[in-house]
C-alpha atoms as a PDB file:
ATOM      1  CA  MET A   1     -13.790  -7.386 -27.733  1.00  0.00           C
ATOM      2  CA  THR A   2     -10.915  -5.061 -27.381  1.00  0.00           C
ATOM      3  CA  VAL A   3     -10.524  -1.659 -25.375  1.00  0.00           C
ATOM      4  CA  LEU A   4      -8.993   1.136 -27.257  1.00  0.00           C
ATOM      5  CA  ASP A   5      -6.450   3.495 -25.591  1.00  0.00           C
ATOM      6  CA  ALA A   6      -6.827   7.149 -26.705  1.00  0.00           C
ATOM      7  CA  SER A   7      -3.223   6.698 -28.349  1.00  0.00           C
ATOM      8  CA  ALA A   8      -4.802   3.880 -30.492  1.00  0.00           C
ATOM      9  CA  LEU A   9      -7.849   5.859 -31.439  1.00  0.00           C
ATOM     10  CA  LEU A  10      -5.575   8.881 -32.338  1.00  0.00           C
ATOM     11  CA  ALA A  11      -3.406   6.650 -34.502  1.00  0.00           C
ATOM     12  CA  TYR A  12      -6.438   5.311 -36.394  1.00  0.00           C
ATOM     13  CA  LEU A  13      -7.773   8.759 -37.012  1.00  0.00           C
ATOM     14  CA  HIS A  14      -4.376  10.173 -38.125  1.00  0.00           C
ATOM     15  CA  GLY A  15      -3.684   7.255 -40.238  1.00  0.00           C
ATOM     16  CA  GLU A  16      -0.503   6.534 -38.540  1.00  0.00           C
ATOM     17  CA  PRO A  17       1.322   3.180 -38.252  1.00  0.00           C
ATOM     18  CA  GLY A  18      -0.923   0.792 -36.325  1.00  0.00           C
ATOM     19  CA  ALA A  19      -4.051   2.094 -37.733  1.00  0.00           C
ATOM     20  CA  PRO A  20      -4.763  -1.126 -39.624  1.00  0.00           C
ATOM     21  CA  VAL A  21      -4.642  -2.928 -36.332  1.00  0.00           C
ATOM     22  CA  VAL A  22      -7.130  -0.500 -34.724  1.00  0.00           C
ATOM     23  CA  ARG A  23      -9.395  -0.821 -37.882  1.00  0.00           C
ATOM     24  CA  GLU A  24      -9.494  -4.639 -37.402  1.00  0.00           C
ATOM     25  CA  ALA A  25     -10.511  -4.175 -33.870  1.00  0.00           C
ATOM     26  CA  LEU A  26     -13.245  -1.681 -34.538  1.00  0.00           C
ATOM     27  CA  MET A  27     -14.591  -4.266 -36.881  1.00  0.00           C
ATOM     28  CA  SER A  28     -14.805  -6.857 -34.088  1.00  0.00           C
ATOM     29  CA  ASP A  29     -16.642  -4.901 -31.402  1.00  0.00           C
ATOM     30  CA  ALA A  30     -14.288  -2.336 -29.807  1.00  0.00           C
ATOM     31  CA  LEU A  31     -14.801  -0.218 -26.610  1.00  0.00           C
ATOM     32  CA  VAL A  32     -13.424   3.037 -25.482  1.00  0.00           C
ATOM     33  CA  SER A  33     -13.644   4.509 -22.014  1.00  0.00           C
ATOM     34  CA  ALA A  34     -15.317   7.866 -21.884  1.00  0.00           C
ATOM     35  CA  VAL A  35     -12.219   9.349 -20.231  1.00  0.00           C
ATOM     36  CA  ASN A  36     -10.057   8.186 -23.276  1.00  0.00           C
ATOM     37  CA  LEU A  37     -12.621   9.549 -25.790  1.00  0.00           C
ATOM     38  CA  ALA A  38     -12.240  12.758 -24.038  1.00  0.00           C
ATOM     39  CA  GLU A  39      -8.554  12.559 -23.896  1.00  0.00           C
ATOM     40  CA  ALA A  40      -8.602  12.031 -27.752  1.00  0.00           C
ATOM     41  CA  LEU A  41     -10.898  14.796 -28.449  1.00  0.00           C
ATOM     42  CA  ALA A  42      -8.733  17.167 -26.315  1.00  0.00           C
ATOM     43  CA  LYS A  43      -5.526  16.213 -28.062  1.00  0.00           C
ATOM     44  CA  LEU A  44      -7.274  16.852 -31.395  1.00  0.00           C
ATOM     45  CA  THR A  45      -8.573  20.069 -30.155  1.00  0.00           C
ATOM     46  CA  ASP A  46      -4.968  20.961 -29.128  1.00  0.00           C
ATOM     47  CA  GLU A  47      -3.948  20.266 -32.735  1.00  0.00           C
ATOM     48  CA  GLY A  48      -6.473  22.869 -34.033  1.00  0.00           C
ATOM     49  CA  HIS A  49      -9.466  20.612 -35.002  1.00  0.00           C
ATOM     50  CA  ASP A  50     -12.953  21.802 -34.035  1.00  0.00           C
ATOM     51  CA  PRO A  51     -14.137  19.232 -31.314  1.00  0.00           C
ATOM     52  CA  GLU A  52     -17.671  18.993 -32.809  1.00  0.00           C
ATOM     53  CA  ASP A  53     -16.258  18.248 -36.281  1.00  0.00           C
ATOM     54  CA  VAL A  54     -14.029  15.454 -34.789  1.00  0.00           C
ATOM     55  CA  MET A  55     -17.097  14.178 -33.069  1.00  0.00           C
ATOM     56  CA  ASP A  56     -19.014  14.098 -36.454  1.00  0.00           C
ATOM     57  CA  ARG A  57     -15.849  11.954 -37.604  1.00  0.00           C
ATOM     58  CA  ILE A  58     -15.865   9.691 -34.622  1.00  0.00           C
ATOM     59  CA  GLU A  59     -19.621   8.966 -34.072  1.00  0.00           C
ATOM     60  CA  PRO A  60     -19.994   6.653 -36.946  1.00  0.00           C
ATOM     61  CA  LEU A  61     -17.023   4.582 -35.926  1.00  0.00           C
ATOM     62  CA  PRO A  62     -18.272   1.160 -34.642  1.00  0.00           C
ATOM     63  CA  PHE A  63     -17.216   1.013 -30.883  1.00  0.00           C
ATOM     64  CA  ASP A  64     -19.093   1.528 -27.588  1.00  0.00           C
ATOM     65  CA  VAL A  65     -18.265   4.111 -25.067  1.00  0.00           C
ATOM     66  CA  VAL A  66     -17.913   2.869 -21.565  1.00  0.00           C
ATOM     67  CA  PRO A  67     -19.105   5.448 -18.922  1.00  0.00           C
ATOM     68  CA  PHE A  68     -16.533   6.387 -16.303  1.00  0.00           C
ATOM     69  CA  ASP A  69     -18.808   5.516 -13.208  1.00  0.00           C
ATOM     70  CA  GLU A  70     -18.168   4.811  -9.602  1.00  0.00           C
ATOM     71  CA  ALA A  71     -16.906   1.087 -10.517  1.00  0.00           C
ATOM     72  CA  GLN A  72     -14.652   2.544 -12.921  1.00  0.00           C
ATOM     73  CA  ALA A  73     -13.329   5.086 -10.581  1.00  0.00           C
ATOM     74  CA  LEU A  74     -12.703   2.459  -7.945  1.00  0.00           C
ATOM     75  CA  GLU A  75     -10.849   0.175 -10.464  1.00  0.00           C
ATOM     76  CA  SER A  76      -8.715   2.936 -11.632  1.00  0.00           C
ATOM     77  CA  ALA A  77      -7.760   3.802  -8.215  1.00  0.00           C
ATOM     78  CA  LEU A  78      -6.900   0.085  -7.435  1.00  0.00           C
ATOM     79  CA  LEU A  79      -4.441   0.282 -10.326  1.00  0.00           C
ATOM     80  CA  ARG A  80      -2.684   3.279  -8.882  1.00  0.00           C
ATOM     81  CA  ALA A  81      -0.136   1.441  -6.796  1.00  0.00           C
ATOM     82  CA  THR A  82       0.610  -1.063  -9.731  1.00  0.00           C
ATOM     83  CA  THR A  83       1.310   1.708 -12.266  1.00  0.00           C
ATOM     84  CA  ALA A  84       2.509   4.510 -10.358  1.00  0.00           C
ATOM     85  CA  THR A  85       6.320   3.554 -11.213  1.00  0.00           C
ATOM     86  CA  ALA A  86       5.436   3.705 -14.916  1.00  0.00           C
ATOM     87  CA  GLY A  87       3.899   7.281 -14.540  1.00  0.00           C
ATOM     88  CA  LEU A  88       0.444   6.345 -15.979  1.00  0.00           C
ATOM     89  CA  SER A  89      -2.204   8.921 -16.030  1.00  0.00           C
ATOM     90  CA  LEU A  90      -5.852   8.808 -15.033  1.00  0.00           C
ATOM     91  CA  GLY A  91      -6.667   8.367 -18.733  1.00  0.00           C
ATOM     92  CA  ASP A  92      -4.294   5.376 -18.803  1.00  0.00           C
ATOM     93  CA  ARG A  93      -5.593   3.657 -15.839  1.00  0.00           C
ATOM     94  CA  ALA A  94      -9.264   4.354 -16.987  1.00  0.00           C
ATOM     95  CA  CYS A  95      -8.568   2.485 -19.970  1.00  0.00           C
ATOM     96  CA  LEU A  96      -6.753  -0.439 -18.195  1.00  0.00           C
ATOM     97  CA  ALA A  97      -9.586  -0.603 -15.551  1.00  0.00           C
ATOM     98  CA  VAL A  98     -12.193  -1.136 -18.185  1.00  0.00           C
ATOM     99  CA  ALA A  99     -10.021  -3.898 -19.853  1.00  0.00           C
ATOM    100  CA  ARG A 100      -9.214  -5.602 -16.690  1.00  0.00           C
ATOM    101  CA  LYS A 101     -12.896  -5.381 -15.357  1.00  0.00           C
ATOM    102  CA  LEU A 102     -14.166  -6.800 -18.684  1.00  0.00           C
ATOM    103  CA  GLY A 103     -11.389  -9.128 -19.153  1.00  0.00           C
ATOM    104  CA  ARG A 104     -10.534  -7.694 -22.601  1.00  0.00           C
ATOM    105  CA  ARG A 105      -7.148  -6.951 -24.340  1.00  0.00           C
ATOM    106  CA  VAL A 106      -5.987  -3.292 -24.770  1.00  0.00           C
ATOM    107  CA  LEU A 107      -4.617  -1.548 -27.847  1.00  0.00           C
ATOM    108  CA  THR A 108      -2.133   1.206 -27.065  1.00  0.00           C
ATOM    109  CA  THR A 109       0.914   2.722 -28.404  1.00  0.00           C
ATOM    110  CA  ASP A 110       2.272   3.153 -24.857  1.00  0.00           C
ATOM    111  CA  ARG A 111       5.266   0.716 -24.235  1.00  0.00           C
ATOM    112  CA  ALA A 112       5.312   1.340 -20.565  1.00  0.00           C
ATOM    113  CA  TRP A 113       1.939  -0.681 -20.104  1.00  0.00           C
ATOM    114  CA  ARG A 114       3.361  -4.107 -21.127  1.00  0.00           C
ATOM    115  CA  GLY A 115       3.452  -6.317 -18.074  1.00  0.00           C
ATOM    116  CA  LEU A 116       2.107  -3.729 -15.523  1.00  0.00           C
ATOM    117  CA  VAL A 117      -1.037  -5.370 -14.857  1.00  0.00           C
ATOM    118  CA  PRO A 118      -0.756  -9.185 -14.476  1.00  0.00           C
ATOM    119  CA  GLY A 119      -3.147 -11.192 -16.470  1.00  0.00           C
ATOM    120  CA  LEU A 120      -4.093  -8.218 -18.759  1.00  0.00           C
ATOM    121  CA  GLU A 121      -3.383  -8.477 -22.401  1.00  0.00           C
ATOM    122  CA  VAL A 122      -1.675  -5.235 -23.717  1.00  0.00           C
ATOM    123  CA  GLU A 123      -0.971  -5.270 -27.345  1.00  0.00           C
ATOM    124  CA  LEU A 124       1.122  -2.500 -28.801  1.00  0.00           C
ATOM    125  CA  ILE A 125      -0.223  -1.350 -32.353  1.00  0.00           C
ATOM    126  CA  ARG A 126       3.281  -0.262 -33.459  1.00  0.00           C
END
């Protein structure tokens, strides 16, 4: 199982470099934090896309959305000190929190994530 960062999901939706890596993850049981889904939707809205049209395109994709609940909020907060020097956002920490809690690898385009969280596999898609 793989956790997708918003940047990986966007790369897939835009057909950018790295999209094949994301496609492979989607075929093998991928997860997305609700926060990262919201982040991807917001970015696409900023680009002029209608969020409802985007959801129509995203809903058939084979991934589960992990709710951002109290446990995720705590895990994200625990990552704050470890990731502060790299300038990670709440969305970034939400993604890492899901991956750390479930012991799964993360797909992202963000090079700053590599090596930030000991024991967590971060794979750059490009």
